[in-house]
Amino acid sequence: MWQHILGVGLLIRALCLGVQAWAMAHGHPNWQNMVFTVLTLSQMAHVLAIRSEYEPLWRLGSGLQLRPLLAAVLPTFAPQMTIILPVFHPDLQYPSVESGRVKLNVSGPSRW
């Protein structure tokens, strides 16, 4: 158990620090948004990944068994995208992430 916690924690840490280093090296003013998005989405990907120890999520089936898990993940994912996408808040003075960088953030956790 502790090995899994340590391994996943180090992986998420490395992913977040890698995004932070890349964004800061390229001078992106909203690197904090990018790092927080990667952290949030990687945690949600981890929740989906640990649904079963041996079977992937798509083999477990859908329906009633998956609904509580999605009911926990989607309310986290939706506000996160609402906050960082400028389409949802054009009048706010909040630094948004451009769409190309959102693709980078969303595709990051799903690759491991």
C-alpha atoms as a PDB file:
ATOM      1  CA  MET A   1       0.000   0.000   0.000  1.00  0.00           C
ATOM      2  CA  TRP A   2       2.661   2.533   0.949  1.00  0.00           C
ATOM      3  CA  GLN A   3       4.608   1.696  -2.209  1.00  0.00           C
ATOM      4  CA  HIS A   4       1.613   2.606  -4.357  1.00  0.00           C
ATOM      5  CA  ILE A   5       1.065   5.859  -2.456  1.00  0.00           C
ATOM      6  CA  LEU A   6       4.738   6.788  -2.755  1.00  0.00           C
ATOM      7  CA  GLY A   7       4.963   5.818  -6.431  1.00  0.00           C
ATOM      8  CA  VAL A   8       1.833   7.661  -7.539  1.00  0.00           C
ATOM      9  CA  GLY A   9       2.732  10.675  -5.404  1.00  0.00           C
ATOM     10  CA  LEU A  10       6.169  10.891  -6.964  1.00  0.00           C
ATOM     11  CA  LEU A  11       4.717  10.451 -10.452  1.00  0.00           C
ATOM     12  CA  ILE A  12       2.164  13.232  -9.971  1.00  0.00           C
ATOM     13  CA  ARG A  13       4.840  15.422  -8.400  1.00  0.00           C
ATOM     14  CA  ALA A  14       7.183  14.871 -11.341  1.00  0.00           C
ATOM     15  CA  LEU A  15       4.388  15.585 -13.808  1.00  0.00           C
ATOM     16  CA  CYS A  16       3.427  18.832 -12.070  1.00  0.00           C
ATOM     17  CA  LEU A  17       7.020  20.000 -11.674  1.00  0.00           C
ATOM     18  CA  GLY A  18       7.696  19.148 -15.320  1.00  0.00           C
ATOM     19  CA  VAL A  19       4.753  21.266 -16.475  1.00  0.00           C
ATOM     20  CA  GLN A  20       5.833  24.065 -14.145  1.00  0.00           C
ATOM     21  CA  ALA A  21       9.418  24.003 -15.405  1.00  0.00           C
ATOM     22  CA  TRP A  22       8.280  23.962 -19.032  1.00  0.00           C
ATOM     23  CA  ALA A  23       5.770  26.788 -18.551  1.00  0.00           C
ATOM     24  CA  MET A  24       8.173  28.987 -16.600  1.00  0.00           C
ATOM     25  CA  ALA A  25      10.985  28.365 -19.090  1.00  0.00           C
ATOM     26  CA  HIS A  26       8.722  29.528 -21.903  1.00  0.00           C
ATOM     27  CA  GLY A  27       7.537  32.568 -19.946  1.00  0.00           C
ATOM     28  CA  HIS A  28       3.869  31.678 -19.631  1.00  0.00           C
ATOM     29  CA  PRO A  29       2.213  34.073 -17.168  1.00  0.00           C
ATOM     30  CA  ASN A  30      -0.439  31.551 -16.146  1.00  0.00           C
ATOM     31  CA  TRP A  31       1.838  28.673 -15.194  1.00  0.00           C
ATOM     32  CA  GLN A  32       0.012  28.330 -11.874  1.00  0.00           C
ATOM     33  CA  ASN A  33      -3.226  27.532 -13.710  1.00  0.00           C
ATOM     34  CA  MET A  34      -1.463  24.927 -15.785  1.00  0.00           C
ATOM     35  CA  VAL A  35       0.137  23.233 -12.786  1.00  0.00           C
ATOM     36  CA  PHE A  36      -3.089  23.243 -10.769  1.00  0.00           C
ATOM     37  CA  THR A  37      -5.010  21.816 -13.728  1.00  0.00           C
ATOM     38  CA  VAL A  38      -2.460  19.043 -14.188  1.00  0.00           C
ATOM     39  CA  LEU A  39      -2.600  18.281 -10.463  1.00  0.00           C
ATOM     40  CA  THR A  40      -6.411  18.203 -10.397  1.00  0.00           C
ATOM     41  CA  LEU A  41      -6.792  16.109 -13.538  1.00  0.00           C
ATOM     42  CA  SER A  42      -4.050  13.681 -12.544  1.00  0.00           C
ATOM     43  CA  GLN A  43      -5.792  13.112  -9.218  1.00  0.00           C
ATOM     44  CA  MET A  44      -9.055  12.439 -11.051  1.00  0.00           C
ATOM     45  CA  ALA A  45      -7.274  10.082 -13.463  1.00  0.00           C
ATOM     46  CA  HIS A  46      -5.807   8.274 -10.476  1.00  0.00           C
ATOM     47  CA  VAL A  47      -9.269   7.896  -8.945  1.00  0.00           C
ATOM     48  CA  LEU A  48     -10.480   6.309 -12.182  1.00  0.00           C
ATOM     49  CA  ALA A  49      -7.385   4.110 -12.427  1.00  0.00           C
ATOM     50  CA  ILE A  50      -7.679   2.623  -8.937  1.00  0.00           C
ATOM     51  CA  ARG A  51     -11.274   1.540  -9.479  1.00  0.00           C
ATOM     52  CA  SER A  52      -9.964  -1.993  -9.837  1.00  0.00           C
ATOM     53  CA  GLU A  53      -6.555  -3.404  -9.084  1.00  0.00           C
ATOM     54  CA  TYR A  54      -6.453  -5.822 -12.020  1.00  0.00           C
ATOM     55  CA  GLU A  55      -9.077  -4.820 -14.577  1.00  0.00           C
ATOM     56  CA  PRO A  56      -9.019  -1.619 -16.634  1.00  0.00           C
ATOM     57  CA  LEU A  57     -11.929   0.767 -16.271  1.00  0.00           C
ATOM     58  CA  TRP A  58     -13.422  -0.022 -19.690  1.00  0.00           C
ATOM     59  CA  ARG A  59     -13.624  -3.766 -18.877  1.00  0.00           C
ATOM     60  CA  LEU A  60     -15.496  -3.221 -15.639  1.00  0.00           C
ATOM     61  CA  GLY A  61     -18.565  -2.197 -17.548  1.00  0.00           C
ATOM     62  CA  SER A  62     -20.697   0.838 -17.263  1.00  0.00           C
ATOM     63  CA  GLY A  63     -24.040   1.422 -15.736  1.00  0.00           C
ATOM     64  CA  LEU A  64     -24.874   1.494 -12.070  1.00  0.00           C
ATOM     65  CA  GLN A  65     -21.401   0.474 -10.885  1.00  0.00           C
ATOM     66  CA  LEU A  66     -19.654   3.403 -12.563  1.00  0.00           C
ATOM     67  CA  ARG A  67     -22.195   6.131 -11.800  1.00  0.00           C
ATOM     68  CA  PRO A  68     -21.006   6.950  -8.246  1.00  0.00           C
ATOM     69  CA  LEU A  69     -17.432   7.244  -9.462  1.00  0.00           C
ATOM     70  CA  LEU A  70     -18.405   9.536 -12.318  1.00  0.00           C
ATOM     71  CA  ALA A  71     -20.588  11.491  -9.910  1.00  0.00           C
ATOM     72  CA  ALA A  72     -17.412  12.232  -7.955  1.00  0.00           C
ATOM     73  CA  VAL A  73     -15.112  12.951 -10.909  1.00  0.00           C
ATOM     74  CA  LEU A  74     -17.324  15.056 -13.195  1.00  0.00           C
ATOM     75  CA  PRO A  75     -18.195  17.732 -10.596  1.00  0.00           C
ATOM     76  CA  THR A  76     -14.455  18.277 -10.205  1.00  0.00           C
ATOM     77  CA  PHE A  77     -13.613  18.261 -13.907  1.00  0.00           C
ATOM     78  CA  ALA A  78     -16.415  20.600 -15.032  1.00  0.00           C
ATOM     79  CA  PRO A  79     -15.622  23.565 -12.737  1.00  0.00           C
ATOM     80  CA  GLN A  80     -11.921  23.219 -13.477  1.00  0.00           C
ATOM     81  CA  MET A  81     -12.550  23.574 -17.212  1.00  0.00           C
ATOM     82  CA  THR A  82     -15.048  26.371 -16.578  1.00  0.00           C
ATOM     83  CA  ILE A  83     -12.447  28.358 -14.666  1.00  0.00           C
ATOM     84  CA  ILE A  84      -9.577  28.044 -17.137  1.00  0.00           C
ATOM     85  CA  LEU A  85     -11.406  28.337 -20.451  1.00  0.00           C
ATOM     86  CA  PRO A  86     -12.008  31.960 -21.541  1.00  0.00           C
ATOM     87  CA  VAL A  87     -15.236  30.997 -23.336  1.00  0.00           C
ATOM     88  CA  PHE A  88     -17.036  30.710 -19.999  1.00  0.00           C
ATOM     89  CA  HIS A  89     -15.841  33.984 -18.494  1.00  0.00           C
ATOM     90  CA  PRO A  90     -14.921  36.546 -21.174  1.00  0.00           C
ATOM     91  CA  ASP A  91     -15.529  39.543 -18.881  1.00  0.00           C
ATOM     92  CA  LEU A  92     -13.462  38.396 -15.912  1.00  0.00           C
ATOM     93  CA  GLN A  93      -9.925  39.640 -15.407  1.00  0.00           C
ATOM     94  CA  TYR A  94      -8.675  36.117 -14.775  1.00  0.00           C
ATOM     95  CA  PRO A  95      -5.695  34.776 -16.745  1.00  0.00           C
ATOM     96  CA  SER A  96      -7.040  31.947 -18.861  1.00  0.00           C
ATOM     97  CA  VAL A  97      -5.188  29.138 -20.538  1.00  0.00           C
ATOM     98  CA  GLU A  98      -5.213  29.065 -24.328  1.00  0.00           C
ATOM     99  CA  SER A  99      -6.913  26.074 -25.966  1.00  0.00           C
ATOM    100  CA  GLY A 100      -3.660  24.458 -27.129  1.00  0.00           C
ATOM    101  CA  ARG A 101      -2.362  24.411 -23.589  1.00  0.00           C
ATOM    102  CA  VAL A 102      -5.624  22.957 -22.300  1.00  0.00           C
ATOM    103  CA  LYS A 103      -5.092  20.043 -24.666  1.00  0.00           C
ATOM    104  CA  LEU A 104      -1.641  19.575 -23.160  1.00  0.00           C
ATOM    105  CA  ASN A 105      -3.090  19.571 -19.640  1.00  0.00           C
ATOM    106  CA  VAL A 106      -5.946  17.218 -20.434  1.00  0.00           C
ATOM    107  CA  SER A 107      -3.792  14.744 -22.353  1.00  0.00           C
ATOM    108  CA  GLY A 108      -1.045  14.638 -19.743  1.00  0.00           C
ATOM    109  CA  PRO A 109      -2.564  12.403 -17.034  1.00  0.00           C
ATOM    110  CA  SER A 110      -4.264  10.034 -19.468  1.00  0.00           C
ATOM    111  CA  ARG A 111      -0.959   8.899 -20.963  1.00  0.00           C
ATOM    112  CA  TRP A 112       0.263   7.068 -17.897  1.00  0.00           C
END
